Amino acid sequence: MTYRTLLAASAVLATSALSWPAAAYTVFVSNEKDNTLSIIDGTRNEVIETIDVGKRPRGITLSKDFKTLYICASDSDTVQVMDVATRKILHNLPSGEDPEQFALSPDDRYLYVSNEDDNIVTVVDTVSREVVAQYDTGIEPEGMAVSHNGRWAVNTSETTNMVHWIDTTKGVMVDNTLVGQRPRHAEFTKDDAFLWVSAEIGGIVSVIDVPTKKIVHEITFSVKGVQPDQVQPVGVKFDKDNTYAFVALGPANHVAVVDMKTYEVEDTLLVGQRVWHMDITPDGAWAYASNGVSGDISVIDVANRKVVKSIKVGRYPWGVAIAP
């Protein structure tokens, strides 16, 4: 093989390694400071549209059929409902004051919303568009999650440092779990056996056994060259096979990769500034992480654990949601 042929072959391999999947994904990103939503074509990994939404959009989530996008417009005190196909806001839902994060029930019927200013969780019927319940929480509720089987809805209160457990079958809050300082995000494993909760100031992720509501493990993080107080875990997402967890480490500017069986941190990936939240494509191939201060999205090759691209979006990107 000639030197020129070898170079050509190497170029083809390099291009192939970084080529995007044939499947067409649409990535939605809420831009907190711009009051906009960036829409990324996942095939080209480019922003194709920017849409004006309510004031200070933060949490965003998709319905199970990927046809509807819900947007927490925090300073508008509402949840906006967008049709994914037309990119049009269909209507607003009542949400309580300052909605920040939310989670849908498995049947998409009920939306559980954390209201940071009022210290409550508001439950909205997405069909009747009415508030059907409210629950008192600790101070500054933020993180929300609903188990895949629909049995549990949980909220994290940042100042009280607790996870609050709502039994959805009984419609009552039944328990609280004390976790690390300033819990920001909660995520159920796919089998609903465990709940992972990030503690931003505590610098840890607590793994909670769902049946007992007890912490069974605490994961700590360190990043070479980064001061410990800058390692602040926030967003948590699991890969398709429930094998690895990806944890956004805030101002440490890295995403940690954690073995979900051993709880060992196997890798840390350099991303943009103040990485906040993430989502993973349905096929499990790519992760998209929002970097608030640098105003971009990092694209992560999940299998190879490599950041392969940075996509500029609006100011202070916060939430990420991906539709096929």
Protein backbone atom coordinates (compact mmCIF):
# COMPACT_ATOMS: atom_id res chain seq x y z
CA MET A 1 0.00 0.00 0.00
CA THR A 2 1.41 3.41 -0.96
CA TYR A 3 1.74 6.24 1.52
CA ARG A 4 -0.94 8.21 -0.36
CA THR A 5 -3.34 5.24 -0.27
CA LEU A 6 -2.69 4.80 3.44
CA LEU A 7 -3.50 8.46 4.10
CA ALA A 8 -6.72 8.19 2.10
CA ALA A 9 -7.78 5.07 3.99
CA SER A 10 -7.05 6.75 7.31
CA ALA A 11 -9.15 9.75 6.31
CA VAL A 12 -12.10 7.53 5.40
CA LEU A 13 -11.87 5.70 8.73
CA ALA A 14 -11.68 8.95 10.68
CA THR A 15 -14.71 10.37 8.85
CA SER A 16 -16.66 7.14 9.42
CA ALA A 17 -15.82 7.13 13.12
CA LEU A 18 -17.30 10.60 13.56
CA SER A 19 -20.25 10.21 11.20
CA TRP A 20 -23.67 10.77 12.69
CA PRO A 21 -26.30 8.03 12.83
CA ALA A 22 -28.67 7.54 9.92
CA ALA A 23 -31.64 7.81 12.27
CA ALA A 24 -33.08 11.33 12.38
CA TYR A 25 -33.25 12.77 15.89
CA THR A 26 -34.52 16.15 16.96
CA VAL A 27 -32.89 17.68 20.02
CA PHE A 28 -34.75 20.38 21.95
CA VAL A 29 -32.82 22.74 24.23
CA SER A 30 -34.30 25.36 26.57
CA ASN A 31 -32.28 28.59 26.76
CA GLU A 32 -32.90 30.10 30.18
CA LYS A 33 -31.62 33.64 29.49
CA ASP A 34 -32.95 34.03 25.94
CA ASN A 35 -36.52 32.81 26.52
CA THR A 36 -36.08 30.53 23.52
CA LEU A 37 -35.95 26.93 22.47
CA SER A 38 -33.13 25.76 20.17
CA ILE A 39 -33.97 22.87 17.85
CA ILE A 40 -31.06 20.72 16.67
CA ASP A 41 -31.11 18.34 13.72
CA GLY A 42 -29.47 15.25 15.19
CA THR A 43 -28.42 13.95 11.77
CA ARG A 44 -26.28 17.01 11.01
CA ASN A 45 -25.91 18.17 14.63
CA GLU A 46 -26.76 21.73 13.73
CA VAL A 47 -29.32 24.21 15.05
CA ILE A 48 -32.10 24.41 12.47
CA GLU A 49 -34.59 26.61 14.30
CA THR A 50 -34.96 28.89 17.32
CA ILE A 51 -38.41 29.43 18.81
CA ASP A 52 -39.58 32.11 21.25
CA VAL A 53 -41.21 30.63 24.36
CA GLY A 54 -42.20 31.85 27.81
CA LYS A 55 -39.92 33.60 30.27
CA ARG A 56 -36.96 31.69 31.71
CA PRO A 57 -37.57 28.22 30.23
CA ARG A 58 -35.86 25.49 32.22
CA GLY A 59 -37.23 21.96 32.54
CA ILE A 60 -38.49 20.34 29.32
CA THR A 61 -39.87 16.85 28.76
CA LEU A 62 -41.52 14.87 25.96
CA SER A 63 -44.65 12.74 26.01
CA LYS A 64 -44.09 9.00 25.60
CA ASP A 65 -45.17 9.13 21.96
CA PHE A 66 -42.77 12.08 21.36
CA LYS A 67 -45.59 14.16 19.87
CA THR A 68 -45.83 16.74 22.66
CA LEU A 69 -43.14 18.81 24.36
CA TYR A 70 -43.79 20.36 27.78
CA ILE A 71 -41.81 23.48 28.73
CA CYS A 72 -41.42 24.96 32.21
CA ALA A 73 -41.64 28.72 31.64
CA SER A 74 -40.54 29.57 35.17
CA ASP A 75 -40.93 33.36 35.19
CA SER A 76 -44.22 33.11 33.28
CA ASP A 77 -45.56 30.79 36.00
CA THR A 78 -46.86 28.34 33.44
CA VAL A 79 -46.14 25.11 31.59
CA GLN A 80 -46.33 25.49 27.84
CA VAL A 81 -47.48 22.62 25.63
CA MET A 82 -45.88 22.45 22.18
CA ASP A 83 -46.82 20.28 19.21
CA VAL A 84 -43.54 18.69 18.09
CA ALA A 85 -44.57 18.31 14.45
CA THR A 86 -45.63 21.93 13.88
CA ARG A 87 -43.41 23.56 16.55
CA LYS A 88 -46.48 25.53 17.71
CA ILE A 89 -47.46 26.25 21.30
CA LEU A 90 -50.90 24.68 21.65
CA HIS A 91 -51.86 25.97 25.08
CA ASN A 92 -50.59 26.62 28.60
CA LEU A 93 -51.15 24.54 31.70
CA PRO A 94 -51.53 25.85 35.26
CA SER A 95 -48.34 25.09 37.14
CA GLY A 96 -48.15 27.04 40.37
CA GLU A 97 -45.52 29.73 40.87
CA ASP A 98 -42.00 29.38 39.48
CA PRO A 99 -42.14 25.90 37.94
CA GLU A 100 -38.61 24.57 37.51
CA GLN A 101 -38.64 20.83 36.86
CA PHE A 102 -41.44 18.36 36.24
CA ALA A 103 -42.12 14.73 35.37
CA LEU A 104 -44.92 12.97 33.53
CA SER A 105 -46.77 9.90 34.73
CA PRO A 106 -46.20 6.83 32.49
CA ASP A 107 -49.59 7.30 30.79
CA ASP A 108 -48.84 11.02 30.13
CA ARG A 109 -51.99 11.95 32.05
CA TYR A 110 -50.50 13.72 35.06
CA LEU A 111 -47.68 16.24 35.22
CA TYR A 112 -45.89 16.60 38.56
CA VAL A 113 -44.40 20.10 38.85
CA SER A 114 -41.98 21.46 41.46
CA ASN A 115 -42.81 25.02 42.54
CA GLU A 116 -39.64 26.45 44.01
CA ASP A 117 -41.08 29.67 45.46
CA ASP A 118 -44.14 28.06 47.08
CA ASN A 119 -42.50 24.89 48.47
CA ILE A 120 -45.09 22.65 46.89
CA VAL A 121 -45.51 20.04 44.17
CA THR A 122 -48.44 20.73 41.85
CA VAL A 123 -50.13 17.89 39.96
CA VAL A 124 -51.77 18.88 36.68
CA ASP A 125 -54.21 16.78 34.65
CA THR A 126 -52.92 17.24 31.08
CA VAL A 127 -56.32 16.34 29.60
CA SER A 128 -58.65 18.51 31.68
CA ARG A 129 -55.85 21.12 32.11
CA GLU A 130 -56.69 21.49 35.78
CA VAL A 131 -54.72 21.26 39.00
CA VAL A 132 -55.84 18.08 40.73
CA ALA A 133 -53.53 18.00 43.77
CA GLN A 134 -50.80 19.85 45.61
CA TYR A 135 -48.28 18.55 48.16
CA ASP A 136 -46.24 20.50 50.67
CA THR A 137 -42.51 19.85 50.41
CA GLY A 138 -39.31 21.08 51.98
CA ILE A 139 -37.76 24.42 51.11
CA GLU A 140 -36.92 25.10 47.44
CA PRO A 141 -38.25 22.00 45.69
CA GLU A 142 -36.55 21.30 42.37
CA GLY A 143 -35.90 17.77 41.13
CA MET A 144 -38.92 15.69 40.05
CA ALA A 145 -39.15 12.08 38.92
CA VAL A 146 -41.90 9.51 38.46
CA SER A 147 -41.15 5.79 38.55
CA HIS A 148 -41.64 3.82 35.34
CA ASN A 149 -44.41 1.78 36.96
CA GLY A 150 -46.14 4.99 38.07
CA ARG A 151 -46.18 4.05 41.76
CA TRP A 152 -43.88 6.79 43.04
CA ALA A 153 -43.43 10.49 42.39
CA VAL A 154 -40.44 12.04 44.14
CA ASN A 155 -39.32 15.60 44.72
CA THR A 156 -35.99 16.94 45.98
CA SER A 157 -35.91 20.06 48.17
CA GLU A 158 -32.66 21.99 47.79
CA THR A 159 -32.54 23.71 51.20
CA THR A 160 -34.14 20.94 53.29
CA ASN A 161 -31.82 18.36 51.66
CA MET A 162 -34.53 15.74 51.36
CA VAL A 163 -36.24 13.46 48.88
CA HIS A 164 -40.02 13.50 49.37
CA TRP A 165 -41.92 10.34 48.38
CA ILE A 166 -45.48 10.61 47.01
CA ASP A 167 -47.45 7.38 46.80
CA THR A 168 -49.48 8.02 43.65
CA THR A 169 -51.91 5.17 44.34
CA LYS A 170 -52.92 6.71 47.68
CA GLY A 171 -52.37 10.33 46.74
CA VAL A 172 -50.32 11.06 49.87
CA MET A 173 -46.72 11.86 50.74
CA VAL A 174 -45.54 8.88 52.78
CA ASP A 175 -41.82 9.30 53.46
CA ASN A 176 -38.73 11.50 53.32
CA THR A 177 -35.09 10.57 52.77
CA LEU A 178 -32.28 12.85 53.96
CA VAL A 179 -29.60 13.21 51.28
CA GLY A 180 -26.58 15.40 50.53
CA GLN A 181 -26.58 19.18 50.51
CA ARG A 182 -28.64 20.87 47.79
CA PRO A 183 -30.18 17.93 45.89
CA ARG A 184 -30.93 18.98 42.32
CA HIS A 185 -32.00 15.97 40.28
CA ALA A 186 -33.60 12.54 40.75
CA GLU A 187 -33.65 9.60 38.33
CA PHE A 188 -35.21 6.15 38.71
CA THR A 189 -33.35 3.18 37.27
CA LYS A 190 -35.28 1.46 34.48
CA ASP A 191 -36.37 -1.39 36.79
CA ASP A 192 -37.47 1.13 39.49
CA ALA A 193 -35.29 -0.67 42.04
CA PHE A 194 -33.14 2.38 42.80
CA LEU A 195 -33.37 6.15 42.77
CA TRP A 196 -30.24 8.21 42.06
CA VAL A 197 -30.20 11.72 43.55
CA SER A 198 -27.49 14.31 42.87
CA ALA A 199 -26.41 16.70 45.61
CA GLU A 200 -24.82 19.78 44.06
CA ILE A 201 -23.09 21.32 47.08
CA GLY A 202 -22.58 17.97 48.80
CA GLY A 203 -20.68 16.81 45.72
CA ILE A 204 -22.22 13.33 45.79
CA VAL A 205 -24.86 11.16 44.19
CA SER A 206 -26.94 9.09 46.60
CA VAL A 207 -28.25 5.72 45.43
CA ILE A 208 -31.51 4.97 47.26
CA ASP A 209 -33.18 1.58 47.55
CA VAL A 210 -36.78 2.27 46.49
CA PRO A 211 -38.57 -0.36 48.67
CA THR A 212 -36.87 0.79 51.89
CA LYS A 213 -36.28 4.46 50.94
CA LYS A 214 -32.77 4.08 52.42
CA ILE A 215 -29.44 5.17 50.93
CA VAL A 216 -27.39 2.13 49.96
CA HIS A 217 -24.43 3.91 48.39
CA GLU A 218 -22.94 7.37 47.97
CA ILE A 219 -20.82 8.14 44.91
CA THR A 220 -18.09 10.78 45.14
CA PHE A 221 -16.25 12.42 42.27
CA SER A 222 -12.87 13.97 41.60
CA VAL A 223 -11.57 15.63 38.44
CA LYS A 224 -7.87 16.15 37.85
CA GLY A 225 -6.98 19.84 38.07
CA VAL A 226 -10.38 20.85 39.45
CA GLN A 227 -10.93 22.04 43.02
CA PRO A 228 -13.25 19.72 44.99
CA ASP A 229 -15.78 22.49 45.67
CA GLN A 230 -16.21 22.94 41.92
CA VAL A 231 -17.31 19.33 41.46
CA GLN A 232 -21.08 19.79 41.70
CA PRO A 233 -23.21 16.95 40.30
CA VAL A 234 -26.55 17.94 38.80
CA GLY A 235 -28.09 16.04 35.87
CA VAL A 236 -28.09 12.22 35.79
CA LYS A 237 -28.98 9.95 32.88
CA PHE A 238 -28.65 6.18 32.39
CA ASP A 239 -27.58 4.46 29.22
CA LYS A 240 -29.95 2.24 27.25
CA ASP A 241 -28.85 -0.98 28.97
CA ASN A 242 -28.89 0.43 32.52
CA THR A 243 -25.17 -0.29 32.70
CA TYR A 244 -23.61 3.16 32.98
CA ALA A 245 -24.75 6.45 34.47
CA PHE A 246 -23.72 9.79 33.02
CA VAL A 247 -23.50 12.53 35.64
CA ALA A 248 -23.11 16.23 34.82
CA LEU A 249 -20.60 17.80 37.23
CA GLY A 250 -21.60 21.46 36.88
CA PRO A 251 -18.72 23.98 37.08
CA ALA A 252 -16.19 21.13 36.99
CA ASN A 253 -16.99 21.15 33.24
CA HIS A 254 -16.97 17.36 33.00
CA VAL A 255 -19.45 14.52 32.65
CA ALA A 256 -18.65 11.48 34.79
CA VAL A 257 -19.27 7.92 33.59
CA VAL A 258 -20.24 5.59 36.46
CA ASP A 259 -20.55 1.80 36.45
CA MET A 260 -24.04 1.18 37.83
CA LYS A 261 -23.11 -2.15 39.44
CA THR A 262 -19.81 -1.27 41.11
CA TYR A 263 -20.53 2.47 41.48
CA GLU A 264 -16.99 3.15 40.29
CA VAL A 265 -16.34 6.34 38.33
CA GLU A 266 -14.67 4.96 35.21
CA ASP A 267 -14.19 8.15 33.22
CA THR A 268 -14.68 11.90 33.18
CA LEU A 269 -15.33 13.67 29.88
CA LEU A 270 -14.40 17.30 29.30
CA VAL A 271 -17.39 19.31 28.04
CA GLY A 272 -18.37 22.99 28.10
CA GLN A 273 -18.64 25.37 31.03
CA ARG A 274 -21.11 24.56 33.82
CA VAL A 275 -22.64 21.40 32.40
CA TRP A 276 -26.18 21.12 33.68
CA HIS A 277 -28.53 18.51 32.19
CA MET A 278 -28.47 15.79 29.55
CA ASP A 279 -30.52 13.45 27.45
CA ILE A 280 -29.58 10.29 25.55
CA THR A 281 -30.92 9.28 22.13
CA PRO A 282 -33.46 6.41 22.18
CA ASP A 283 -30.94 4.05 20.56
CA GLY A 284 -28.45 4.86 23.31
CA ALA A 285 -25.73 5.99 20.90
CA TRP A 286 -25.42 9.69 21.69
CA ALA A 287 -25.72 11.93 24.74
CA TYR A 288 -26.34 15.68 24.53
CA ALA A 289 -25.24 17.81 27.49
CA SER A 290 -26.19 21.46 28.09
CA ASN A 291 -23.39 23.83 29.11
CA GLY A 292 -24.92 26.92 30.68
CA VAL A 293 -22.02 29.35 30.88
CA SER A 294 -20.45 28.55 27.50
CA GLY A 295 -23.86 28.48 25.82
CA ASP A 296 -23.38 25.27 23.89
CA ILE A 297 -24.32 21.60 23.72
CA SER A 298 -21.69 18.85 23.93
CA VAL A 299 -22.34 15.77 21.79
CA ILE A 300 -21.02 12.59 23.42
CA ASP A 301 -20.35 9.31 21.64
CA VAL A 302 -21.67 7.00 24.37
CA ALA A 303 -19.94 3.77 23.31
CA ASN A 304 -16.52 5.37 22.86
CA ARG A 305 -16.94 7.90 25.69
CA LYS A 306 -15.77 10.79 23.56
CA VAL A 307 -17.05 14.31 23.11
CA VAL A 308 -17.21 14.68 19.34
CA LYS A 309 -18.81 18.07 18.79
CA SER A 310 -19.91 21.34 20.40
CA ILE A 311 -23.07 23.02 19.11
CA LYS A 312 -23.64 26.71 19.87
CA VAL A 313 -27.18 27.46 21.10
CA GLY A 314 -28.74 30.31 23.11
CA ARG A 315 -27.72 31.86 26.40
CA TYR A 316 -27.67 29.54 29.40
CA PRO A 317 -28.97 26.30 27.90
CA TRP A 318 -30.71 24.34 30.67
CA GLY A 319 -32.91 21.40 29.66
CA VAL A 320 -32.45 18.82 26.89
CA ALA A 321 -35.06 16.49 25.38
CA ILE A 322 -34.66 14.23 22.34
CA ALA A 323 -37.35 12.97 19.96
CA PRO A 324 -36.82 10.36 17.22
